[in-house]
């Protein structure tokens, strides 16, 4: 994908958990200290790959590294022309990532080391 590797951040995982817990059953963005970008999507705890790849990265299905995976991974998603989630996750601006799920909502926050 031409993307530098993101390092797992337990701080950002905690920020995400706080975001999805405080939002209840709604997807409400909340940029806690240390979070510089955030993506939210519906999905159960066992659906992480489907959400991360199909829901977010497949907003830009023709980007390098996708290799046609979006033909199947994007099933069930309606992007409504959005590309911002994929742009955040593919940005070389960020070096850390943390994700969490609660109440059928996935959150991933990105930041700096």
PDB file of N, CA and C in Angstrom:
ATOM      1  N   UNK A   1       0.813  -1.201   0.000  1.00  0.00           N
ATOM      2  CA  UNK A   1       0.000   0.000   0.000  1.00  0.00           C
ATOM      3  C   UNK A   1       0.852   1.258   0.000  1.00  0.00           C
ATOM      4  N   UNK A   2       2.153   1.139   0.187  1.00  0.00           N
ATOM      5  CA  UNK A   2       2.989   2.321   0.230  1.00  0.00           C
ATOM      6  C   UNK A   2       2.882   3.058   1.549  1.00  0.00           C
ATOM      7  N   UNK A   3       2.337   2.407   2.535  1.00  0.00           N
ATOM      8  CA  UNK A   3       2.097   3.013   3.839  1.00  0.00           C
ATOM      9  C   UNK A   3       3.168   2.555   4.817  1.00  0.00           C
ATOM     10  N   UNK A   4       3.678   3.489   5.615  1.00  0.00           N
ATOM     11  CA  UNK A   4       4.598   3.091   6.667  1.00  0.00           C
ATOM     12  C   UNK A   4       3.819   2.329   7.739  1.00  0.00           C
ATOM     13  N   UNK A   5       4.505   1.437   8.419  1.00  0.00           N
ATOM     14  CA  UNK A   5       3.869   0.594   9.429  1.00  0.00           C
ATOM     15  C   UNK A   5       3.402   1.432  10.613  1.00  0.00           C
ATOM     16  N   UNK A   6       2.191   1.144  11.066  1.00  0.00           N
ATOM     17  CA  UNK A   6       1.660   1.785  12.261  1.00  0.00           C
ATOM     18  C   UNK A   6       2.004   0.933  13.478  1.00  0.00           C
ATOM     19  N   UNK A   7       2.383   1.578  14.561  1.00  0.00           N
ATOM     20  CA  UNK A   7       2.699   0.897  15.806  1.00  0.00           C
ATOM     21  C   UNK A   7       1.478   0.930  16.716  1.00  0.00           C
ATOM     22  N   UNK A   8       1.192  -0.198  17.350  1.00  0.00           N
ATOM     23  CA  UNK A   8       0.051  -0.287  18.262  1.00  0.00           C
ATOM     24  C   UNK A   8       0.271   0.608  19.476  1.00  0.00           C
ATOM     25  N   UNK A   9      -0.780   1.345  19.829  1.00  0.00           N
ATOM     26  CA  UNK A   9      -0.736   2.241  20.977  1.00  0.00           C
ATOM     27  C   UNK A   9      -1.858   1.884  21.946  1.00  0.00           C
ATOM     28  N   UNK A  10      -1.479   1.489  23.167  1.00  0.00           N
ATOM     29  CA  UNK A  10      -2.502   1.184  24.170  1.00  0.00           C
ATOM     30  C   UNK A  10      -3.233   2.458  24.599  1.00  0.00           C
ATOM     31  N   UNK A  11      -2.556   3.605  24.527  1.00  0.00           N
ATOM     32  CA  UNK A  11      -3.229   4.874  24.839  1.00  0.00           C
ATOM     33  C   UNK A  11      -4.358   5.126  23.848  1.00  0.00           C
ATOM     34  N   UNK A  12      -4.083   4.927  22.558  1.00  0.00           N
ATOM     35  CA  UNK A  12      -5.120   5.138  21.548  1.00  0.00           C
ATOM     36  C   UNK A  12      -6.218   4.083  21.647  1.00  0.00           C
ATOM     37  N   UNK A  13      -5.869   2.862  22.046  1.00  0.00           N
ATOM     38  CA  UNK A  13      -6.900   1.846  22.286  1.00  0.00           C
ATOM     39  C   UNK A  13      -7.836   2.311  23.396  1.00  0.00           C
ATOM     40  N   UNK A  14      -7.258   2.858  24.464  1.00  0.00           N
ATOM     41  CA  UNK A  14      -8.062   3.390  25.563  1.00  0.00           C
ATOM     42  C   UNK A  14      -8.919   4.565  25.124  1.00  0.00           C
ATOM     43  N   UNK A  15      -8.345   5.433  24.295  1.00  0.00           N
ATOM     44  CA  UNK A  15      -9.118   6.559  23.767  1.00  0.00           C
ATOM     45  C   UNK A  15     -10.312   6.060  22.966  1.00  0.00           C
ATOM     46  N   UNK A  16     -10.091   5.034  22.147  1.00  0.00           N
ATOM     47  CA  UNK A  16     -11.182   4.476  21.337  1.00  0.00           C
ATOM     48  C   UNK A  16     -12.249   3.849  22.213  1.00  0.00           C
ATOM     49  N   UNK A  17     -11.821   3.098  23.211  1.00  0.00           N
ATOM     50  CA  UNK A  17     -12.799   2.476  24.099  1.00  0.00           C
ATOM     51  C   UNK A  17     -13.640   3.549  24.776  1.00  0.00           C
ATOM     52  N   UNK A  18     -13.004   4.624  25.221  1.00  0.00           N
ATOM     53  CA  UNK A  18     -13.737   5.737  25.819  1.00  0.00           C
ATOM     54  C   UNK A  18     -14.725   6.339  24.829  1.00  0.00           C
ATOM     55  N   UNK A  19     -14.309   6.473  23.579  1.00  0.00           N
ATOM     56  CA  UNK A  19     -15.176   7.046  22.544  1.00  0.00           C
ATOM     57  C   UNK A  19     -16.416   6.197  22.329  1.00  0.00           C
ATOM     58  N   UNK A  20     -16.231   4.891  22.122  1.00  0.00           N
ATOM     59  CA  UNK A  20     -17.393   4.045  21.823  1.00  0.00           C
ATOM     60  C   UNK A  20     -18.265   3.821  23.051  1.00  0.00           C
ATOM     61  N   UNK A  21     -17.690   3.829  24.240  1.00  0.00           N
ATOM     62  CA  UNK A  21     -18.507   3.695  25.445  1.00  0.00           C
ATOM     63  C   UNK A  21     -19.320   4.955  25.701  1.00  0.00           C
ATOM     64  N   UNK A  22     -18.716   6.111  25.525  1.00  0.00           N
ATOM     65  CA  UNK A  22     -19.444   7.358  25.795  1.00  0.00           C
ATOM     66  C   UNK A  22     -20.501   7.643  24.742  1.00  0.00           C
ATOM     67  N   UNK A  23     -20.348   7.082  23.545  1.00  0.00           N
ATOM     68  CA  UNK A  23     -21.339   7.280  22.491  1.00  0.00           C
ATOM     69  C   UNK A  23     -22.560   6.392  22.635  1.00  0.00           C
ATOM     70  N   UNK A  24     -22.486   5.415  23.529  1.00  0.00           N
ATOM     71  CA  UNK A  24     -23.608   4.498  23.699  1.00  0.00           C
ATOM     72  C   UNK A  24     -23.809   3.672  22.443  1.00  0.00           C
ATOM     73  N   UNK A  25     -25.006   3.715  21.906  1.00  0.00           N
ATOM     74  CA  UNK A  25     -25.313   2.944  20.693  1.00  0.00           C
ATOM     75  C   UNK A  25     -25.131   3.776  19.424  1.00  0.00           C
ATOM     76  N   UNK A  26     -24.642   5.009  19.563  1.00  0.00           N
ATOM     77  CA  UNK A  26     -24.460   5.899  18.411  1.00  0.00           C
ATOM     78  C   UNK A  26     -22.976   6.089  18.120  1.00  0.00           C
ATOM     79  N   UNK A  27     -22.668   6.292  16.847  1.00  0.00           N
ATOM     80  CA  UNK A  27     -21.288   6.582  16.462  1.00  0.00           C
ATOM     81  C   UNK A  27     -21.062   8.085  16.600  1.00  0.00           C
ATOM     82  N   UNK A  28     -20.355   8.450  17.661  1.00  0.00           N
ATOM     83  CA  UNK A  28     -20.087   9.854  17.956  1.00  0.00           C
ATOM     84  C   UNK A  28     -18.572  10.032  18.073  1.00  0.00           C
ATOM     85  N   UNK A  29     -18.000  10.846  17.195  1.00  0.00           N
ATOM     86  CA  UNK A  29     -16.561  11.092  17.248  1.00  0.00           C
ATOM     87  C   UNK A  29     -16.202  11.847  18.517  1.00  0.00           C
ATOM     88  N   UNK A  30     -15.079  11.460  19.109  1.00  0.00           N
ATOM     89  CA  UNK A  30     -14.573  12.121  20.312  1.00  0.00           C
ATOM     90  C   UNK A  30     -13.050  12.045  20.253  1.00  0.00           C
ATOM     91  N   UNK A  31     -12.425  13.166  20.026  1.00  0.00           N
ATOM     92  CA  UNK A  31     -10.967  13.191  19.919  1.00  0.00           C
ATOM     93  C   UNK A  31     -10.355  13.460  21.286  1.00  0.00           C
ATOM     94  N   UNK A  32      -9.979  12.390  21.958  1.00  0.00           N
ATOM     95  CA  UNK A  32      -9.325  12.491  23.260  1.00  0.00           C
ATOM     96  C   UNK A  32      -7.878  12.940  23.073  1.00  0.00           C
ATOM     97  N   UNK A  33      -7.227  13.419  24.138  1.00  0.00           N
ATOM     98  CA  UNK A  33      -5.827  13.829  24.025  1.00  0.00           C
ATOM     99  C   UNK A  33      -4.955  12.708  23.449  1.00  0.00           C
ATOM    100  N   UNK A  34      -4.166  13.040  22.446  1.00  0.00           N
ATOM    101  CA  UNK A  34      -3.298  12.074  21.789  1.00  0.00           C
ATOM    102  C   UNK A  34      -3.882  11.504  20.510  1.00  0.00           C
ATOM    103  N   UNK A  35      -5.187  11.704  20.298  1.00  0.00           N
ATOM    104  CA  UNK A  35      -5.848  11.241  19.082  1.00  0.00           C
ATOM    105  C   UNK A  35      -5.839  12.364  18.059  1.00  0.00           C
ATOM    106  N   UNK A  36      -5.337  12.066  16.850  1.00  0.00           N
ATOM    107  CA  UNK A  36      -5.275  13.080  15.797  1.00  0.00           C
ATOM    108  C   UNK A  36      -6.099  12.718  14.572  1.00  0.00           C
ATOM    109  N   UNK A  37      -6.640  11.525  14.555  1.00  0.00           N
ATOM    110  CA  UNK A  37      -7.546  11.081  13.506  1.00  0.00           C
ATOM    111  C   UNK A  37      -8.346   9.915  14.042  1.00  0.00           C
ATOM    112  N   UNK A  38      -9.594   9.775  13.568  1.00  0.00           N
ATOM    113  CA  UNK A  38     -10.458   8.727  14.111  1.00  0.00           C
ATOM    114  C   UNK A  38     -11.419   8.230  13.046  1.00  0.00           C
ATOM    115  N   UNK A  39     -11.645   6.924  13.043  1.00  0.00           N
ATOM    116  CA  UNK A  39     -12.639   6.318  12.165  1.00  0.00           C
ATOM    117  C   UNK A  39     -13.568   5.451  13.011  1.00  0.00           C
ATOM    118  N   UNK A  40     -14.850   5.490  12.678  1.00  0.00           N
ATOM    119  CA  UNK A  40     -15.873   4.710  13.377  1.00  0.00           C
ATOM    120  C   UNK A  40     -16.698   3.947  12.353  1.00  0.00           C
ATOM    121  N   UNK A  41     -17.143   2.753  12.728  1.00  0.00           N
ATOM    122  CA  UNK A  41     -18.018   1.966  11.850  1.00  0.00           C
ATOM    123  C   UNK A  41     -18.758   0.929  12.684  1.00  0.00           C
ATOM    124  N   UNK A  42     -19.951   0.545  12.233  1.00  0.00           N
ATOM    125  CA  UNK A  42     -20.677  -0.514  12.934  1.00  0.00           C
ATOM    126  C   UNK A  42     -20.010  -1.865  12.699  1.00  0.00           C
ATOM    127  N   UNK A  43     -20.058  -2.713  13.718  1.00  0.00           N
ATOM    128  CA  UNK A  43     -19.508  -4.062  13.576  1.00  0.00           C
ATOM    129  C   UNK A  43     -19.332  -4.726  14.917  1.00  0.00           C
ATOM    130  N   UNK A  44     -19.467  -6.036  14.919  1.00  0.00           N
ATOM    131  CA  UNK A  44     -19.280  -6.807  16.143  1.00  0.00           C
ATOM    132  C   UNK A  44     -17.797  -7.033  16.413  1.00  0.00           C
ATOM    133  N   UNK A  45     -17.487  -7.469  17.617  1.00  0.00           N
ATOM    134  CA  UNK A  45     -16.093  -7.668  18.020  1.00  0.00           C
ATOM    135  C   UNK A  45     -15.342  -8.603  17.078  1.00  0.00           C
ATOM    136  N   UNK A  46     -16.001  -9.610  16.537  1.00  0.00           N
ATOM    137  CA  UNK A  46     -15.345 -10.555  15.649  1.00  0.00           C
ATOM    138  C   UNK A  46     -15.259 -10.106  14.202  1.00  0.00           C
ATOM    139  N   UNK A  47     -15.714  -8.903  13.908  1.00  0.00           N
ATOM    140  CA  UNK A  47     -15.772  -8.393  12.534  1.00  0.00           C
ATOM    141  C   UNK A  47     -14.665  -7.402  12.194  1.00  0.00           C
ATOM    142  N   UNK A  48     -13.569  -7.401  12.946  1.00  0.00           N
ATOM    143  CA  UNK A  48     -12.567  -6.352  12.767  1.00  0.00           C
ATOM    144  C   UNK A  48     -12.035  -6.278  11.334  1.00  0.00           C
ATOM    145  N   UNK A  49     -11.633  -7.392  10.765  1.00  0.00           N
ATOM    146  CA  UNK A  49     -11.066  -7.355   9.409  1.00  0.00           C
ATOM    147  C   UNK A  49     -12.096  -6.875   8.395  1.00  0.00           C
ATOM    148  N   UNK A  50     -13.337  -7.321   8.538  1.00  0.00           N
ATOM    149  CA  UNK A  50     -14.403  -6.890   7.626  1.00  0.00           C
ATOM    150  C   UNK A  50     -14.610  -5.378   7.718  1.00  0.00           C
ATOM    151  N   UNK A  51     -14.548  -4.839   8.929  1.00  0.00           N
ATOM    152  CA  UNK A  51     -14.710  -3.392   9.124  1.00  0.00           C
ATOM    153  C   UNK A  51     -13.477  -2.646   8.616  1.00  0.00           C
ATOM    154  N   UNK A  52     -12.283  -3.073   9.030  1.00  0.00           N
ATOM    155  CA  UNK A  52     -11.065  -2.343   8.695  1.00  0.00           C
ATOM    156  C   UNK A  52     -10.801  -2.350   7.190  1.00  0.00           C
ATOM    157  N   UNK A  53     -10.878  -3.518   6.592  1.00  0.00           N
ATOM    158  CA  UNK A  53     -10.601  -3.616   5.155  1.00  0.00           C
ATOM    159  C   UNK A  53     -11.830  -3.232   4.343  1.00  0.00           C
ATOM    160  N   UNK A  54     -12.928  -3.951   4.565  1.00  0.00           N
ATOM    161  CA  UNK A  54     -14.133  -3.733   3.763  1.00  0.00           C
ATOM    162  C   UNK A  54     -14.802  -2.398   4.010  1.00  0.00           C
ATOM    163  N   UNK A  55     -14.860  -1.990   5.260  1.00  0.00           N
ATOM    164  CA  UNK A  55     -15.562  -0.757   5.600  1.00  0.00           C
ATOM    165  C   UNK A  55     -14.756   0.508   5.389  1.00  0.00           C
ATOM    166  N   UNK A  56     -13.465   0.450   5.683  1.00  0.00           N
ATOM    167  CA  UNK A  56     -12.651   1.662   5.617  1.00  0.00           C
ATOM    168  C   UNK A  56     -11.697   1.676   4.422  1.00  0.00           C
ATOM    169  N   UNK A  57     -10.797   0.714   4.351  1.00  0.00           N
ATOM    170  CA  UNK A  57      -9.787   0.749   3.285  1.00  0.00           C
ATOM    171  C   UNK A  57     -10.396   0.632   1.894  1.00  0.00           C
ATOM    172  N   UNK A  58     -11.493  -0.101   1.761  1.00  0.00           N
ATOM    173  CA  UNK A  58     -12.106  -0.282   0.438  1.00  0.00           C
ATOM    174  C   UNK A  58     -12.864   0.950  -0.051  1.00  0.00           C
ATOM    175  N   UNK A  59     -12.859   2.038   0.722  1.00  0.00           N
ATOM    176  CA  UNK A  59     -13.369   3.301   0.178  1.00  0.00           C
ATOM    177  C   UNK A  59     -12.515   3.726  -1.019  1.00  0.00           C
ATOM    178  N   UNK A  60     -11.279   3.270  -1.042  1.00  0.00           N
ATOM    179  CA  UNK A  60     -10.352   3.537  -2.153  1.00  0.00           C
ATOM    180  C   UNK A  60      -9.877   2.186  -2.699  1.00  0.00           C
ATOM    181  N   UNK A  61     -10.753   1.468  -3.397  1.00  0.00           N
ATOM    182  CA  UNK A  61     -10.458   0.089  -3.796  1.00  0.00           C
ATOM    183  C   UNK A  61      -9.340  -0.064  -4.818  1.00  0.00           C
ATOM    184  N   UNK A  62      -9.004   0.991  -5.516  1.00  0.00           N
ATOM    185  CA  UNK A  62      -7.981   0.893  -6.557  1.00  0.00           C
ATOM    186  C   UNK A  62      -6.600   1.320  -6.090  1.00  0.00           C
ATOM    187  N   UNK A  63      -6.469   1.667  -4.797  1.00  0.00           N
ATOM    188  CA  UNK A  63      -5.153   2.047  -4.288  1.00  0.00           C
ATOM    189  C   UNK A  63      -4.215   0.845  -4.291  1.00  0.00           C
ATOM    190  N   UNK A  64      -2.933   1.139  -4.326  1.00  0.00           N
ATOM    191  CA  UNK A  64      -1.945   0.061  -4.379  1.00  0.00           C
ATOM    192  C   UNK A  64      -2.061  -0.840  -3.155  1.00  0.00           C
ATOM    193  N   UNK A  65      -1.851  -2.107  -3.386  1.00  0.00           N
ATOM    194  CA  UNK A  65      -1.888  -3.078  -2.306  1.00  0.00           C
ATOM    195  C   UNK A  65      -3.233  -3.726  -2.069  1.00  0.00           C
ATOM    196  N   UNK A  66      -4.288  -3.197  -2.667  1.00  0.00           N
ATOM    197  CA  UNK A  66      -5.614  -3.769  -2.426  1.00  0.00           C
ATOM    198  C   UNK A  66      -5.822  -5.044  -3.249  1.00  0.00           C
ATOM    199  N   UNK A  67      -5.195  -5.125  -4.403  1.00  0.00           N
ATOM    200  CA  UNK A  67      -5.157  -6.351  -5.202  1.00  0.00           C
ATOM    201  C   UNK A  67      -6.507  -7.037  -5.379  1.00  0.00           C
ATOM    202  N   UNK A  68      -7.556  -6.266  -5.572  1.00  0.00           N
ATOM    203  CA  UNK A  68      -8.871  -6.828  -5.861  1.00  0.00           C
ATOM    204  C   UNK A  68      -9.645  -7.355  -4.673  1.00  0.00           C
ATOM    205  N   UNK A  69      -9.096  -7.235  -3.458  1.00  0.00           N
ATOM    206  CA  UNK A  69      -9.776  -7.769  -2.273  1.00  0.00           C
ATOM    207  C   UNK A  69     -11.137  -7.117  -2.048  1.00  0.00           C
ATOM    208  N   UNK A  70     -11.298  -5.883  -2.519  1.00  0.00           N
ATOM    209  CA  UNK A  70     -12.547  -5.155  -2.279  1.00  0.00           C
ATOM    210  C   UNK A  70     -13.729  -5.733  -3.051  1.00  0.00           C
ATOM    211  N   UNK A  71     -13.459  -6.554  -4.048  1.00  0.00           N
ATOM    212  CA  UNK A  71     -14.557  -7.200  -4.769  1.00  0.00           C
ATOM    213  C   UNK A  71     -15.409  -8.029  -3.818  1.00  0.00           C
ATOM    214  N   UNK A  72     -14.790  -8.615  -2.808  1.00  0.00           N
ATOM    215  CA  UNK A  72     -15.537  -9.396  -1.818  1.00  0.00           C
ATOM    216  C   UNK A  72     -15.633  -8.668  -0.479  1.00  0.00           C
ATOM    217  N   UNK A  73     -14.563  -8.002  -0.055  1.00  0.00           N
ATOM    218  CA  UNK A  73     -14.535  -7.372   1.268  1.00  0.00           C
ATOM    219  C   UNK A  73     -15.525  -6.226   1.407  1.00  0.00           C
ATOM    220  N   UNK A  74     -15.894  -5.591   0.303  1.00  0.00           N
ATOM    221  CA  UNK A  74     -16.785  -4.428   0.383  1.00  0.00           C
ATOM    222  C   UNK A  74     -18.265  -4.805   0.410  1.00  0.00           C
ATOM    223  N   UNK A  75     -18.571  -6.088   0.312  1.00  0.00           N
ATOM    224  CA  UNK A  75     -19.980  -6.502   0.329  1.00  0.00           C
ATOM    225  C   UNK A  75     -20.636  -6.084   1.640  1.00  0.00           C
ATOM    226  N   UNK A  76     -21.788  -5.431   1.516  1.00  0.00           N
ATOM    227  CA  UNK A  76     -22.520  -4.967   2.686  1.00  0.00           C
ATOM    228  C   UNK A  76     -22.225  -3.533   3.085  1.00  0.00           C
ATOM    229  N   UNK A  77     -21.267  -2.900   2.444  1.00  0.00           N
ATOM    230  CA  UNK A  77     -20.906  -1.521   2.771  1.00  0.00           C
ATOM    231  C   UNK A  77     -21.417  -0.571   1.696  1.00  0.00           C
ATOM    232  N   UNK A  78     -21.890   0.595   2.122  1.00  0.00           N
ATOM    233  CA  UNK A  78     -22.301   1.667   1.214  1.00  0.00           C
ATOM    234  C   UNK A  78     -21.463   2.883   1.574  1.00  0.00           C
ATOM    235  N   UNK A  79     -20.513   3.217   0.736  1.00  0.00           N
ATOM    236  CA  UNK A  79     -19.564   4.285   1.046  1.00  0.00           C
ATOM    237  C   UNK A  79     -20.117   5.679   0.797  1.00  0.00           C
ATOM    238  N   UNK A  80     -21.193   5.785   0.070  1.00  0.00           N
ATOM    239  CA  UNK A  80     -21.824   7.075  -0.216  1.00  0.00           C
ATOM    240  C   UNK A  80     -20.807   8.112  -0.683  1.00  0.00           C
ATOM    241  N   UNK A  81     -19.821   7.667  -1.456  1.00  0.00           N
ATOM    242  CA  UNK A  81     -18.814   8.574  -1.985  1.00  0.00           C
ATOM    243  C   UNK A  81     -17.723   8.962  -1.008  1.00  0.00           C
ATOM    244  N   UNK A  82     -17.770   8.459   0.213  1.00  0.00           N
ATOM    245  CA  UNK A  82     -16.773   8.819   1.218  1.00  0.00           C
ATOM    246  C   UNK A  82     -15.432   8.154   0.932  1.00  0.00           C
ATOM    247  N   UNK A  83     -14.369   8.875   1.200  1.00  0.00           N
ATOM    248  CA  UNK A  83     -13.019   8.320   1.116  1.00  0.00           C
ATOM    249  C   UNK A  83     -12.182   8.701   2.337  1.00  0.00           C
ATOM    250  N   UNK A  84     -12.737   9.504   3.221  1.00  0.00           N
ATOM    251  CA  UNK A  84     -11.988  10.043   4.354  1.00  0.00           C
ATOM    252  C   UNK A  84     -11.442   9.011   5.319  1.00  0.00           C
ATOM    253  N   UNK A  85     -12.195   7.926   5.545  1.00  0.00           N
ATOM    254  CA  UNK A  85     -11.713   6.897   6.467  1.00  0.00           C
ATOM    255  C   UNK A  85     -10.443   6.254   5.916  1.00  0.00           C
ATOM    256  N   UNK A  86     -10.493   5.879   4.640  1.00  0.00           N
ATOM    257  CA  UNK A  86      -9.321   5.271   4.000  1.00  0.00           C
ATOM    258  C   UNK A  86      -8.154   6.255   3.971  1.00  0.00           C
ATOM    259  N   UNK A  87      -8.429   7.510   3.717  1.00  0.00           N
ATOM    260  CA  UNK A  87      -7.362   8.513   3.662  1.00  0.00           C
ATOM    261  C   UNK A  87      -6.675   8.655   5.012  1.00  0.00           C
ATOM    262  N   UNK A  88      -7.443   8.644   6.097  1.00  0.00           N
ATOM    263  CA  UNK A  88      -6.857   8.731   7.442  1.00  0.00           C
ATOM    264  C   UNK A  88      -5.970   7.520   7.705  1.00  0.00           C
ATOM    265  N   UNK A  89      -6.491   6.325   7.451  1.00  0.00           N
ATOM    266  CA  UNK A  89      -5.752   5.103   7.769  1.00  0.00           C
ATOM    267  C   UNK A  89      -4.552   4.880   6.862  1.00  0.00           C
ATOM    268  N   UNK A  90      -4.558   5.427   5.655  1.00  0.00           N
ATOM    269  CA  UNK A  90      -3.453   5.256   4.715  1.00  0.00           C
ATOM    270  C   UNK A  90      -2.434   6.393   4.793  1.00  0.00           C
ATOM    271  N   UNK A  91      -2.736   7.416   5.552  1.00  0.00           N
ATOM    272  CA  UNK A  91      -1.853   8.574   5.620  1.00  0.00           C
ATOM    273  C   UNK A  91      -0.509   8.209   6.251  1.00  0.00           C
ATOM    274  N   UNK A  92       0.559   8.674   5.655  1.00  0.00           N
ATOM    275  CA  UNK A  92       1.886   8.501   6.249  1.00  0.00           C
ATOM    276  C   UNK A  92       2.152   9.534   7.334  1.00  0.00           C
ATOM    277  N   UNK A  93       1.193  10.403   7.575  1.00  0.00           N
ATOM    278  CA  UNK A  93       1.326  11.421   8.615  1.00  0.00           C
ATOM    279  C   UNK A  93       1.331  10.794  10.009  1.00  0.00           C
ATOM    280  N   UNK A  94       0.623   9.688  10.180  1.00  0.00           N
ATOM    281  CA  UNK A  94       0.462   9.074  11.499  1.00  0.00           C
ATOM    282  C   UNK A  94       1.388   7.877  11.662  1.00  0.00           C
ATOM    283  N   UNK A  95       1.801   7.626  12.916  1.00  0.00           N
ATOM    284  CA  UNK A  95       2.708   6.507  13.173  1.00  0.00           C
ATOM    285  C   UNK A  95       2.158   5.500  14.179  1.00  0.00           C
ATOM    286  N   UNK A  96       1.069   5.833  14.862  1.00  0.00           N
ATOM    287  CA  UNK A  96       0.506   4.928  15.862  1.00  0.00           C
ATOM    288  C   UNK A  96      -0.980   4.713  15.608  1.00  0.00           C
ATOM    289  N   UNK A  97      -1.486   3.570  16.088  1.00  0.00           N
ATOM    290  CA  UNK A  97      -2.904   3.240  15.930  1.00  0.00           C
ATOM    291  C   UNK A  97      -3.376   2.453  17.149  1.00  0.00           C
ATOM    292  N   UNK A  98      -4.621   2.660  17.490  1.00  0.00           N
ATOM    293  CA  UNK A  98      -5.264   1.878  18.538  1.00  0.00           C
ATOM    294  C   UNK A  98      -6.724   1.723  18.196  1.00  0.00           C
ATOM    295  N   UNK A  99      -7.258   0.520  18.385  1.00  0.00           N
ATOM    296  CA  UNK A  99      -8.645   0.233  18.020  1.00  0.00           C
ATOM    297  C   UNK A  99      -9.370  -0.428  19.188  1.00  0.00           C
ATOM    298  N   UNK A 100     -10.681  -0.253  19.225  1.00  0.00           N
ATOM    299  CA  UNK A 100     -11.504  -0.890  20.254  1.00  0.00           C
ATOM    300  C   UNK A 100     -12.921  -1.037  19.734  1.00  0.00           C
ATOM    301  N   UNK A 101     -13.639  -1.981  20.330  1.00  0.00           N
ATOM    302  CA  UNK A 101     -15.033  -2.245  19.973  1.00  0.00           C
ATOM    303  C   UNK A 101     -15.871  -2.257  21.236  1.00  0.00           C
ATOM    304  N   UNK A 102     -17.042  -1.667  21.141  1.00  0.00           N
ATOM    305  CA  UNK A 102     -18.012  -1.717  22.229  1.00  0.00           C
ATOM    306  C   UNK A 102     -19.384  -1.421  21.646  1.00  0.00           C
ATOM    307  N   UNK A 103     -20.384  -2.149  22.096  1.00  0.00           N
ATOM    308  CA  UNK A 103     -21.744  -1.869  21.653  1.00  0.00           C
ATOM    309  C   UNK A 103     -21.928  -1.950  20.158  1.00  0.00           C
ATOM    310  N   UNK A 104     -21.236  -2.877  19.504  1.00  0.00           N
ATOM    311  CA  UNK A 104     -21.345  -3.084  18.052  1.00  0.00           C
ATOM    312  C   UNK A 104     -20.809  -1.905  17.241  1.00  0.00           C
ATOM    313  N   UNK A 105     -19.851  -1.186  17.806  1.00  0.00           N
ATOM    314  CA  UNK A 105     -19.199  -0.081  17.095  1.00  0.00           C
ATOM    315  C   UNK A 105     -17.685  -0.253  17.204  1.00  0.00           C
ATOM    316  N   UNK A 106     -17.017  -0.175  16.057  1.00  0.00           N
ATOM    317  CA  UNK A 106     -15.557  -0.191  16.013  1.00  0.00           C
ATOM    318  C   UNK A 106     -15.031   1.233  15.912  1.00  0.00           C
ATOM    319  N   UNK A 107     -13.912   1.463  16.592  1.00  0.00           N
ATOM    320  CA  UNK A 107     -13.208   2.745  16.538  1.00  0.00           C
ATOM    321  C   UNK A 107     -11.729   2.452  16.342  1.00  0.00           C
ATOM    322  N   UNK A 108     -11.084   3.205  15.484  1.00  0.00           N
ATOM    323  CA  UNK A 108      -9.625   3.212  15.404  1.00  0.00           C
ATOM    324  C   UNK A 108      -9.170   4.663  15.437  1.00  0.00           C
ATOM    325  N   UNK A 109      -8.243   4.938  16.335  1.00  0.00           N
ATOM    326  CA  UNK A 109      -7.629   6.256  16.447  1.00  0.00           C
ATOM    327  C   UNK A 109      -6.199   6.170  15.935  1.00  0.00           C
ATOM    328  N   UNK A 110      -5.733   7.228  15.321  1.00  0.00           N
ATOM    329  CA  UNK A 110      -4.345   7.312  14.879  1.00  0.00           C
ATOM    330  C   UNK A 110      -3.694   8.533  15.508  1.00  0.00           C
ATOM    331  N   UNK A 111      -2.368   8.453  15.649  1.00  0.00           N
ATOM    332  CA  UNK A 111      -1.642   9.553  16.262  1.00  0.00           C
ATOM    333  C   UNK A 111      -0.165   9.470  15.932  1.00  0.00           C
ATOM    334  N   UNK A 112       0.635  10.093  16.789  1.00  0.00           N
ATOM    335  CA  UNK A 112       2.077  10.189  16.603  1.00  0.00           C
ATOM    336  C   UNK A 112       2.777   9.488  17.750  1.00  0.00           C
ATOM    337  N   UNK A 113       3.966   8.967  17.488  1.00  0.00           N
ATOM    338  CA  UNK A 113       4.735   8.266  18.523  1.00  0.00           C
ATOM    339  C   UNK A 113       5.196   9.225  19.599  1.00  0.00           C
TER     340      UNK A 113
END
